[in-house]
N, C-alpha and C. Protein backbone atom coordinates (compact mmCIF):
# COMPACT_ATOMS: atom_id res chain seq x y z
N MET A 1 80.51 91.64 139.87
CA MET A 1 79.58 90.55 140.11
C MET A 1 80.30 89.24 139.81
N SER A 2 80.27 88.34 140.75
CA SER A 2 80.94 87.07 140.55
C SER A 2 79.91 85.97 140.30
N LEU A 3 80.43 84.81 139.96
CA LEU A 3 79.55 83.67 139.69
C LEU A 3 78.76 83.30 140.95
N LEU A 4 77.55 82.85 140.76
CA LEU A 4 76.69 82.43 141.86
C LEU A 4 77.34 81.29 142.64
N ALA A 5 78.01 80.40 141.93
CA ALA A 5 78.66 79.26 142.60
C ALA A 5 79.73 79.75 143.57
N ILE A 6 80.45 80.81 143.20
CA ILE A 6 81.47 81.36 144.09
C ILE A 6 80.81 81.94 145.34
N GLU A 7 79.71 82.64 145.15
CA GLU A 7 79.00 83.21 146.30
C GLU A 7 78.51 82.10 147.24
N ILE A 8 77.96 81.05 146.69
CA ILE A 8 77.47 79.93 147.51
C ILE A 8 78.61 79.27 148.26
N LEU A 9 79.71 79.03 147.57
CA LEU A 9 80.87 78.41 148.24
C LEU A 9 81.44 79.32 149.32
N ASN A 10 81.44 80.62 149.10
CA ASN A 10 81.93 81.55 150.12
C ASN A 10 81.04 81.50 151.36
N LYS A 11 79.73 81.44 151.18
CA LYS A 11 78.81 81.34 152.33
C LYS A 11 79.05 80.03 153.07
N SER A 12 79.23 78.95 152.31
CA SER A 12 79.47 77.65 152.93
C SER A 12 80.80 77.66 153.69
N ARG A 13 81.81 78.31 153.09
CA ARG A 13 83.11 78.41 153.75
C ARG A 13 82.99 79.19 155.06
N ASN A 14 82.25 80.28 155.03
CA ASN A 14 82.05 81.07 156.25
C ASN A 14 81.35 80.25 157.33
N PHE A 15 80.38 79.43 156.91
CA PHE A 15 79.70 78.55 157.86
C PHE A 15 80.70 77.56 158.47
N LEU A 16 81.57 76.98 157.63
CA LEU A 16 82.56 76.02 158.13
C LEU A 16 83.52 76.70 159.10
N LEU A 17 83.93 77.94 158.82
CA LEU A 17 84.82 78.66 159.73
C LEU A 17 84.14 78.88 161.08
N ARG A 18 82.87 79.25 161.04
CA ARG A 18 82.14 79.45 162.30
C ARG A 18 82.01 78.12 163.05
N ALA A 19 81.78 77.02 162.33
CA ALA A 19 81.64 75.71 162.97
C ALA A 19 82.96 75.28 163.61
N ILE A 20 84.07 75.56 162.92
CA ILE A 20 85.39 75.22 163.48
C ILE A 20 85.62 76.04 164.75
N ASP A 21 85.34 77.34 164.69
CA ASP A 21 85.51 78.20 165.87
C ASP A 21 84.64 77.71 167.02
N TYR A 22 83.42 77.40 166.75
CA TYR A 22 82.49 76.96 167.79
C TYR A 22 82.97 75.66 168.43
N ASN A 23 83.35 74.68 167.58
CA ASN A 23 83.80 73.39 168.11
C ASN A 23 85.12 73.52 168.86
N THR A 24 85.99 74.41 168.40
CA THR A 24 87.26 74.59 169.08
C THR A 24 87.04 75.23 170.46
N GLN A 25 86.19 76.23 170.53
CA GLN A 25 85.95 76.93 171.79
C GLN A 25 85.14 76.09 172.77
N ASN A 26 84.30 75.22 172.27
CA ASN A 26 83.43 74.44 173.15
C ASN A 26 83.94 73.01 173.35
N GLY A 27 85.20 72.81 173.08
CA GLY A 27 85.80 71.49 173.33
C GLY A 27 85.23 70.41 172.44
N GLY A 28 85.05 70.75 171.16
CA GLY A 28 84.50 69.79 170.22
C GLY A 28 85.42 68.61 170.01
N VAL A 29 84.88 67.58 169.47
CA VAL A 29 85.64 66.36 169.21
C VAL A 29 86.62 66.65 168.07
N LEU A 30 87.85 66.16 168.22
CA LEU A 30 88.89 66.40 167.23
C LEU A 30 88.47 65.93 165.84
N GLY A 31 87.73 64.85 165.77
CA GLY A 31 87.27 64.32 164.48
C GLY A 31 86.34 65.29 163.78
N GLN A 32 85.45 65.97 164.54
CA GLN A 32 84.55 66.95 163.93
C GLN A 32 85.33 68.15 163.40
N ILE A 33 86.30 68.59 164.18
CA ILE A 33 87.11 69.75 163.76
C ILE A 33 87.88 69.41 162.50
N ASN A 34 88.49 68.22 162.44
CA ASN A 34 89.22 67.79 161.24
C ASN A 34 88.29 67.70 160.04
N PHE A 35 87.07 67.21 160.25
CA PHE A 35 86.09 67.10 159.17
C PHE A 35 85.79 68.48 158.58
N PHE A 36 85.54 69.47 159.46
CA PHE A 36 85.24 70.81 159.00
C PHE A 36 86.44 71.44 158.30
N GLN A 37 87.66 71.17 158.82
CA GLN A 37 88.86 71.74 158.20
C GLN A 37 89.10 71.13 156.82
N ASN A 38 88.86 69.83 156.66
CA ASN A 38 89.01 69.21 155.35
C ASN A 38 88.00 69.79 154.35
N ASN A 39 86.74 69.94 154.82
CA ASN A 39 85.74 70.54 153.94
C ASN A 39 86.11 71.98 153.59
N LEU A 40 86.69 72.68 154.56
CA LEU A 40 87.09 74.06 154.32
C LEU A 40 88.16 74.12 153.23
N SER A 41 89.15 73.23 153.28
CA SER A 41 90.21 73.27 152.25
C SER A 41 89.64 72.91 150.87
N GLU A 42 88.68 71.98 150.82
CA GLU A 42 88.04 71.65 149.54
C GLU A 42 87.26 72.85 149.01
N HIS A 43 86.58 73.55 149.90
CA HIS A 43 85.84 74.74 149.49
C HIS A 43 86.79 75.81 148.97
N ASN A 44 87.91 75.99 149.66
CA ASN A 44 88.88 77.00 149.22
C ASN A 44 89.43 76.67 147.83
N GLU A 45 89.72 75.40 147.59
CA GLU A 45 90.22 74.98 146.27
C GLU A 45 89.16 75.21 145.20
N ALA A 46 87.91 74.85 145.51
CA ALA A 46 86.83 75.04 144.54
C ALA A 46 86.61 76.52 144.24
N ILE A 47 86.66 77.34 145.28
CA ILE A 47 86.50 78.78 145.08
C ILE A 47 87.62 79.33 144.21
N LYS A 48 88.85 78.92 144.50
CA LYS A 48 90.00 79.39 143.72
C LYS A 48 89.86 78.97 142.25
N GLU A 49 89.46 77.73 142.03
CA GLU A 49 89.28 77.21 140.67
C GLU A 49 88.20 77.99 139.92
N LEU A 50 87.09 78.24 140.58
CA LEU A 50 86.00 78.99 139.94
C LEU A 50 86.40 80.44 139.67
N GLU A 51 87.14 81.05 140.60
CA GLU A 51 87.58 82.42 140.38
C GLU A 51 88.54 82.51 139.20
N GLU A 52 89.42 81.52 139.05
CA GLU A 52 90.32 81.49 137.90
C GLU A 52 89.53 81.32 136.60
N TYR A 53 88.54 80.43 136.64
CA TYR A 53 87.68 80.22 135.47
C TYR A 53 86.96 81.52 135.10
N GLU A 54 86.43 82.18 136.13
CA GLU A 54 85.71 83.43 135.89
C GLU A 54 86.64 84.48 135.29
N GLN A 55 87.86 84.59 135.80
CA GLN A 55 88.81 85.57 135.29
C GLN A 55 89.21 85.25 133.85
N ASN A 56 89.44 83.96 133.55
CA ASN A 56 89.77 83.56 132.18
C ASN A 56 88.62 83.91 131.23
N PHE A 57 87.40 83.68 131.67
CA PHE A 57 86.23 84.01 130.85
C PHE A 57 86.18 85.52 130.60
N LYS A 58 86.39 86.32 131.64
CA LYS A 58 86.37 87.77 131.49
C LYS A 58 87.48 88.24 130.56
N ASP A 59 88.67 87.62 130.67
CA ASP A 59 89.78 87.99 129.79
C ASP A 59 89.45 87.68 128.33
N LYS A 60 88.87 86.49 128.09
CA LYS A 60 88.50 86.11 126.73
C LYS A 60 87.40 87.03 126.18
N GLU A 61 86.44 87.36 127.02
CA GLU A 61 85.36 88.25 126.59
C GLU A 61 85.93 89.62 126.23
N PHE A 62 86.85 90.13 127.06
CA PHE A 62 87.47 91.43 126.79
C PHE A 62 88.25 91.38 125.47
N LYS A 63 89.02 90.30 125.28
CA LYS A 63 89.79 90.15 124.04
C LYS A 63 88.87 90.10 122.82
N TYR A 64 87.77 89.35 122.93
CA TYR A 64 86.81 89.24 121.83
C TYR A 64 86.20 90.60 121.51
N ARG A 65 85.77 91.32 122.54
CA ARG A 65 85.15 92.64 122.32
C ARG A 65 86.16 93.60 121.70
N THR A 66 87.40 93.55 122.15
CA THR A 66 88.45 94.41 121.61
C THR A 66 88.69 94.10 120.13
N GLU A 67 88.75 92.80 119.79
CA GLU A 67 88.96 92.41 118.39
C GLU A 67 87.80 92.88 117.52
N CYS A 68 86.58 92.76 118.02
CA CYS A 68 85.41 93.22 117.25
C CYS A 68 85.48 94.74 117.02
N GLN A 69 85.85 95.47 118.05
CA GLN A 69 85.97 96.93 117.90
C GLN A 69 87.08 97.28 116.91
N ASN A 70 88.18 96.53 116.95
CA ASN A 70 89.28 96.78 116.01
C ASN A 70 88.84 96.53 114.58
N ILE A 71 88.08 95.45 114.36
CA ILE A 71 87.61 95.13 113.02
C ILE A 71 86.71 96.25 112.50
N LEU A 72 85.80 96.72 113.35
CA LEU A 72 84.93 97.83 112.95
C LEU A 72 85.73 99.09 112.66
N SER A 73 86.72 99.38 113.49
CA SER A 73 87.54 100.57 113.29
C SER A 73 88.33 100.48 112.00
N ILE A 74 88.90 99.32 111.72
CA ILE A 74 89.67 99.14 110.48
C ILE A 74 88.76 99.35 109.27
N GLY A 75 87.55 98.80 109.34
CA GLY A 75 86.60 98.97 108.23
C GLY A 75 86.25 100.43 108.02
N ARG A 76 86.04 101.15 109.12
CA ARG A 76 85.72 102.58 109.00
C ARG A 76 86.90 103.36 108.43
N LEU A 77 88.11 103.07 108.91
CA LEU A 77 89.29 103.76 108.39
C LEU A 77 89.49 103.46 106.91
N GLU A 78 89.29 102.20 106.54
CA GLU A 78 89.43 101.80 105.15
C GLU A 78 88.44 102.57 104.27
N ALA A 79 87.22 102.69 104.74
CA ALA A 79 86.19 103.41 103.98
C ALA A 79 86.49 104.91 103.91
N ASP A 80 87.01 105.47 105.01
CA ASP A 80 87.32 106.90 105.03
C ASP A 80 88.49 107.24 104.11
N ASP A 81 89.45 106.33 103.99
CA ASP A 81 90.64 106.59 103.19
C ASP A 81 90.39 106.43 101.69
N MET A 82 89.33 105.75 101.32
CA MET A 82 89.08 105.49 99.90
C MET A 82 88.22 106.59 99.30
N PRO A 83 88.56 106.98 98.08
CA PRO A 83 87.64 107.88 97.37
C PRO A 83 86.37 107.09 97.04
N ASP A 84 85.45 107.69 96.39
CA ASP A 84 84.19 107.02 96.09
C ASP A 84 84.44 105.96 95.01
N ARG A 85 84.85 104.80 95.47
CA ARG A 85 85.21 103.71 94.55
C ARG A 85 84.01 103.18 93.78
N LEU A 86 82.86 103.20 94.42
CA LEU A 86 81.66 102.72 93.74
C LEU A 86 81.33 103.61 92.55
N ALA A 87 81.42 104.90 92.72
CA ALA A 87 81.15 105.83 91.61
C ALA A 87 82.17 105.62 90.49
N GLU A 88 83.41 105.40 90.86
CA GLU A 88 84.46 105.15 89.87
C GLU A 88 84.17 103.86 89.09
N LEU A 89 83.76 102.81 89.82
CA LEU A 89 83.43 101.55 89.17
C LEU A 89 82.23 101.71 88.25
N GLU A 90 81.20 102.43 88.70
CA GLU A 90 80.02 102.66 87.86
C GLU A 90 80.40 103.37 86.57
N LYS A 91 81.29 104.36 86.66
CA LYS A 91 81.72 105.10 85.47
C LYS A 91 82.45 104.18 84.49
N VAL A 92 83.33 103.34 85.00
CA VAL A 92 84.08 102.42 84.13
C VAL A 92 83.12 101.43 83.45
N ILE A 93 82.15 100.91 84.20
CA ILE A 93 81.18 99.97 83.63
C ILE A 93 80.33 100.67 82.57
N LEU A 94 79.87 101.87 82.89
CA LEU A 94 79.06 102.64 81.93
C LEU A 94 79.86 102.90 80.66
N ASP A 95 81.11 103.33 80.79
CA ASP A 95 81.97 103.57 79.62
C ASP A 95 82.14 102.30 78.80
N TYR A 96 82.30 101.18 79.47
CA TYR A 96 82.46 99.89 78.78
C TYR A 96 81.23 99.58 77.93
N TYR A 97 80.04 99.72 78.51
CA TYR A 97 78.83 99.39 77.76
C TYR A 97 78.53 100.42 76.67
N LEU A 98 78.89 101.68 76.90
CA LEU A 98 78.74 102.68 75.85
C LEU A 98 79.66 102.35 74.67
N ASP A 99 80.89 101.93 74.98
CA ASP A 99 81.82 101.55 73.91
C ASP A 99 81.37 100.30 73.17
N LYS A 100 80.58 99.45 73.85
CA LYS A 100 80.04 98.26 73.18
C LYS A 100 78.87 98.61 72.26
N GLY A 101 78.43 99.87 72.29
CA GLY A 101 77.36 100.30 71.39
C GLY A 101 76.03 100.57 72.04
N TYR A 102 75.93 100.38 73.31
CA TYR A 102 74.68 100.69 74.00
C TYR A 102 74.57 102.21 74.14
N ARG A 103 73.37 102.72 74.03
CA ARG A 103 73.14 104.16 74.12
C ARG A 103 72.27 104.47 75.33
N ILE A 104 72.59 105.58 75.94
CA ILE A 104 71.79 106.02 77.09
C ILE A 104 70.45 106.52 76.57
N GLY A 105 69.37 106.03 77.14
CA GLY A 105 68.03 106.45 76.76
C GLY A 105 67.49 105.76 75.51
N VAL A 106 68.30 104.90 74.91
CA VAL A 106 67.86 104.17 73.72
C VAL A 106 67.84 102.69 74.07
N GLY A 107 66.69 102.06 73.93
CA GLY A 107 66.59 100.65 74.26
C GLY A 107 66.36 100.47 75.76
N CYS A 108 66.25 99.26 76.13
CA CYS A 108 65.97 98.93 77.53
C CYS A 108 67.11 98.09 78.08
N TRP A 109 68.07 98.72 78.63
CA TRP A 109 69.19 98.01 79.23
C TRP A 109 69.61 98.75 80.49
N ASP A 110 70.22 98.02 81.37
CA ASP A 110 70.79 98.63 82.57
C ASP A 110 71.77 97.67 83.21
N PHE A 111 72.51 98.19 84.16
CA PHE A 111 73.38 97.33 84.96
C PHE A 111 73.20 97.73 86.41
N LYS A 112 73.51 96.80 87.29
CA LYS A 112 73.47 97.10 88.72
C LYS A 112 74.63 96.38 89.40
N ILE A 113 75.04 96.96 90.50
CA ILE A 113 76.17 96.42 91.27
C ILE A 113 75.65 96.02 92.63
N GLN A 114 75.96 94.78 93.02
CA GLN A 114 75.55 94.30 94.33
C GLN A 114 76.82 93.99 95.13
N ILE A 115 76.87 94.50 96.34
CA ILE A 115 78.01 94.25 97.22
C ILE A 115 77.50 93.55 98.47
N ILE A 116 78.08 92.40 98.77
CA ILE A 116 77.71 91.64 99.96
C ILE A 116 78.94 91.59 100.86
N THR A 117 78.79 92.05 102.09
CA THR A 117 79.91 92.08 103.02
C THR A 117 79.64 91.11 104.16
N LYS A 118 80.60 90.23 104.38
CA LYS A 118 80.54 89.29 105.49
C LYS A 118 81.86 89.40 106.24
N TYR A 119 81.98 88.65 107.31
CA TYR A 119 83.21 88.67 108.09
C TYR A 119 84.38 88.19 107.23
N LYS A 120 85.35 89.07 107.02
CA LYS A 120 86.55 88.79 106.24
C LYS A 120 86.24 88.31 104.82
N SER A 121 85.14 88.76 104.26
CA SER A 121 84.78 88.37 102.90
C SER A 121 83.89 89.44 102.29
N LYS A 122 84.25 89.86 101.09
CA LYS A 122 83.46 90.84 100.34
C LYS A 122 83.14 90.21 98.99
N LEU A 123 81.91 90.35 98.56
CA LEU A 123 81.47 89.79 97.29
C LEU A 123 80.90 90.93 96.46
N LEU A 124 81.39 91.08 95.24
CA LEU A 124 80.91 92.10 94.33
C LEU A 124 80.35 91.40 93.10
N ILE A 125 79.10 91.72 92.75
CA ILE A 125 78.46 91.10 91.59
C ILE A 125 77.93 92.23 90.70
N VAL A 126 78.27 92.16 89.42
CA VAL A 126 77.75 93.13 88.46
C VAL A 126 76.75 92.40 87.58
N PHE A 127 75.53 92.92 87.54
CA PHE A 127 74.46 92.36 86.73
C PHE A 127 74.24 93.26 85.52
N PHE A 128 73.96 92.66 84.37
CA PHE A 128 73.62 93.44 83.19
C PHE A 128 72.33 92.88 82.61
N SER A 129 71.43 93.77 82.26
CA SER A 129 70.15 93.36 81.70
C SER A 129 69.93 94.07 80.37
N ASP A 130 69.62 93.31 79.35
CA ASP A 130 69.22 93.86 78.06
C ASP A 130 67.81 93.34 77.79
N TYR A 131 66.83 94.18 78.06
CA TYR A 131 65.44 93.75 77.96
C TYR A 131 65.02 93.49 76.52
N ASN A 132 65.74 94.07 75.54
CA ASN A 132 65.44 93.79 74.14
C ASN A 132 65.75 92.34 73.80
N LEU A 133 66.78 91.79 74.46
CA LEU A 133 67.17 90.39 74.23
C LEU A 133 66.54 89.46 75.26
N ARG A 134 65.73 90.03 76.11
CA ARG A 134 65.07 89.28 77.19
C ARG A 134 66.08 88.63 78.14
N ASP A 135 67.23 89.23 78.21
CA ASP A 135 68.26 88.77 79.15
C ASP A 135 68.13 89.65 80.39
N ILE A 136 67.44 89.16 81.38
CA ILE A 136 67.15 89.97 82.56
C ILE A 136 68.05 89.55 83.72
N ASP A 137 68.72 90.53 84.27
CA ASP A 137 69.55 90.35 85.46
C ASP A 137 70.56 89.21 85.36
N GLY A 138 71.33 89.19 84.29
CA GLY A 138 72.39 88.20 84.19
C GLY A 138 73.65 88.71 84.85
N ALA A 139 74.26 87.90 85.67
CA ALA A 139 75.51 88.29 86.34
C ALA A 139 76.64 88.21 85.32
N VAL A 140 77.30 89.32 85.06
CA VAL A 140 78.39 89.36 84.09
C VAL A 140 79.75 89.35 84.77
N TYR A 141 79.78 89.62 86.07
CA TYR A 141 81.06 89.65 86.77
C TYR A 141 80.81 89.37 88.25
N ILE A 142 81.56 88.43 88.79
CA ILE A 142 81.46 88.08 90.21
C ILE A 142 82.87 88.04 90.77
N LEU A 143 83.06 88.70 91.89
CA LEU A 143 84.38 88.75 92.52
C LEU A 143 84.23 88.60 94.02
N ASN A 144 85.02 87.70 94.59
CA ASN A 144 85.05 87.49 96.03
C ASN A 144 86.44 87.85 96.53
N ASP A 145 86.52 88.74 97.49
CA ASP A 145 87.81 89.18 98.03
C ASP A 145 87.63 89.45 99.52
N ASN A 146 88.74 89.59 100.24
CA ASN A 146 88.60 89.91 101.66
C ASN A 146 89.05 91.33 101.96
N ASN A 147 89.31 92.12 100.94
CA ASN A 147 89.72 93.50 101.12
C ASN A 147 88.91 94.36 100.16
N THR A 148 88.22 95.36 100.68
CA THR A 148 87.35 96.20 99.86
C THR A 148 88.12 96.95 98.78
N LYS A 149 89.26 97.51 99.15
CA LYS A 149 90.05 98.27 98.18
C LYS A 149 90.49 97.37 97.03
N ASP A 150 91.02 96.19 97.35
CA ASP A 150 91.46 95.26 96.30
C ASP A 150 90.29 94.82 95.43
N MET A 151 89.14 94.62 96.05
CA MET A 151 87.95 94.19 95.32
C MET A 151 87.58 95.24 94.26
N PHE A 152 87.52 96.51 94.66
CA PHE A 152 87.19 97.56 93.70
C PHE A 152 88.29 97.70 92.65
N ASP A 153 89.55 97.63 93.07
CA ASP A 153 90.67 97.74 92.12
C ASP A 153 90.56 96.66 91.04
N ARG A 154 90.31 95.44 91.46
CA ARG A 154 90.23 94.33 90.49
C ARG A 154 89.04 94.47 89.56
N ALA A 155 87.90 94.92 90.09
CA ALA A 155 86.71 95.10 89.25
C ALA A 155 86.93 96.23 88.25
N ILE A 156 87.51 97.33 88.70
CA ILE A 156 87.79 98.46 87.80
C ILE A 156 88.78 98.03 86.72
N GLU A 157 89.80 97.29 87.11
CA GLU A 157 90.78 96.81 86.14
C GLU A 157 90.12 95.89 85.11
N TYR A 158 89.23 95.01 85.58
CA TYR A 158 88.54 94.08 84.68
C TYR A 158 87.75 94.83 83.62
N PHE A 159 86.92 95.78 84.03
CA PHE A 159 86.08 96.50 83.07
C PHE A 159 86.89 97.47 82.23
N SER A 160 87.97 98.02 82.76
CA SER A 160 88.85 98.89 81.97
C SER A 160 89.52 98.08 80.87
N THR A 161 89.98 96.87 81.21
CA THR A 161 90.61 96.00 80.22
C THR A 161 89.61 95.61 79.14
N ARG A 162 88.39 95.26 79.53
CA ARG A 162 87.36 94.90 78.55
C ARG A 162 87.02 96.09 77.66
N GLN A 163 87.02 97.30 78.25
CA GLN A 163 86.73 98.50 77.46
C GLN A 163 87.83 98.72 76.43
N ASN A 164 89.09 98.53 76.84
CA ASN A 164 90.21 98.68 75.90
C ASN A 164 90.11 97.67 74.77
N GLU A 165 89.69 96.42 75.07
CA GLU A 165 89.53 95.40 74.03
C GLU A 165 88.44 95.81 73.05
N VAL A 166 87.36 96.40 73.55
CA VAL A 166 86.25 96.82 72.67
C VAL A 166 86.70 97.98 71.79
N GLN A 167 87.49 98.88 72.32
CA GLN A 167 87.94 100.05 71.57
C GLN A 167 88.91 99.69 70.45
N GLU A 168 89.63 98.58 70.60
CA GLU A 168 90.64 98.19 69.59
C GLU A 168 90.04 97.61 68.36
């Protein structure tokens, strides 16, 4: 399917060709024939220009769609190659808070992990709530990265380091 403008110009060009043929066969005035031929060359240039524009647009659209598919594929491959990093991070955070003296089932505390994914940007936020201290949903760690693996590695390293400091 081509642009409507190209279709219209092609119809107009065909009309001009028929007019040139008619005037040539019926002894038309040279000025009329030249007029139709000049219009025909302008139509041909316009058609060529529009066809090039249409092809460039199609090429850009194809490139864009291909890049989007590649980004999705890379994300899927990255996720498939990683072990359950979220579970690993949860374990490290839980160990950290247990070493700080919090007990499971004793008191009212919890933590949650929020992951926000945008184009070329990943945001990881760890919230900790101690309802005994009325500290509800305080963000204790925020990390912005553009690679999921690096984001989890850095968060795990952060809480592992904090756990080692608490143990000492």
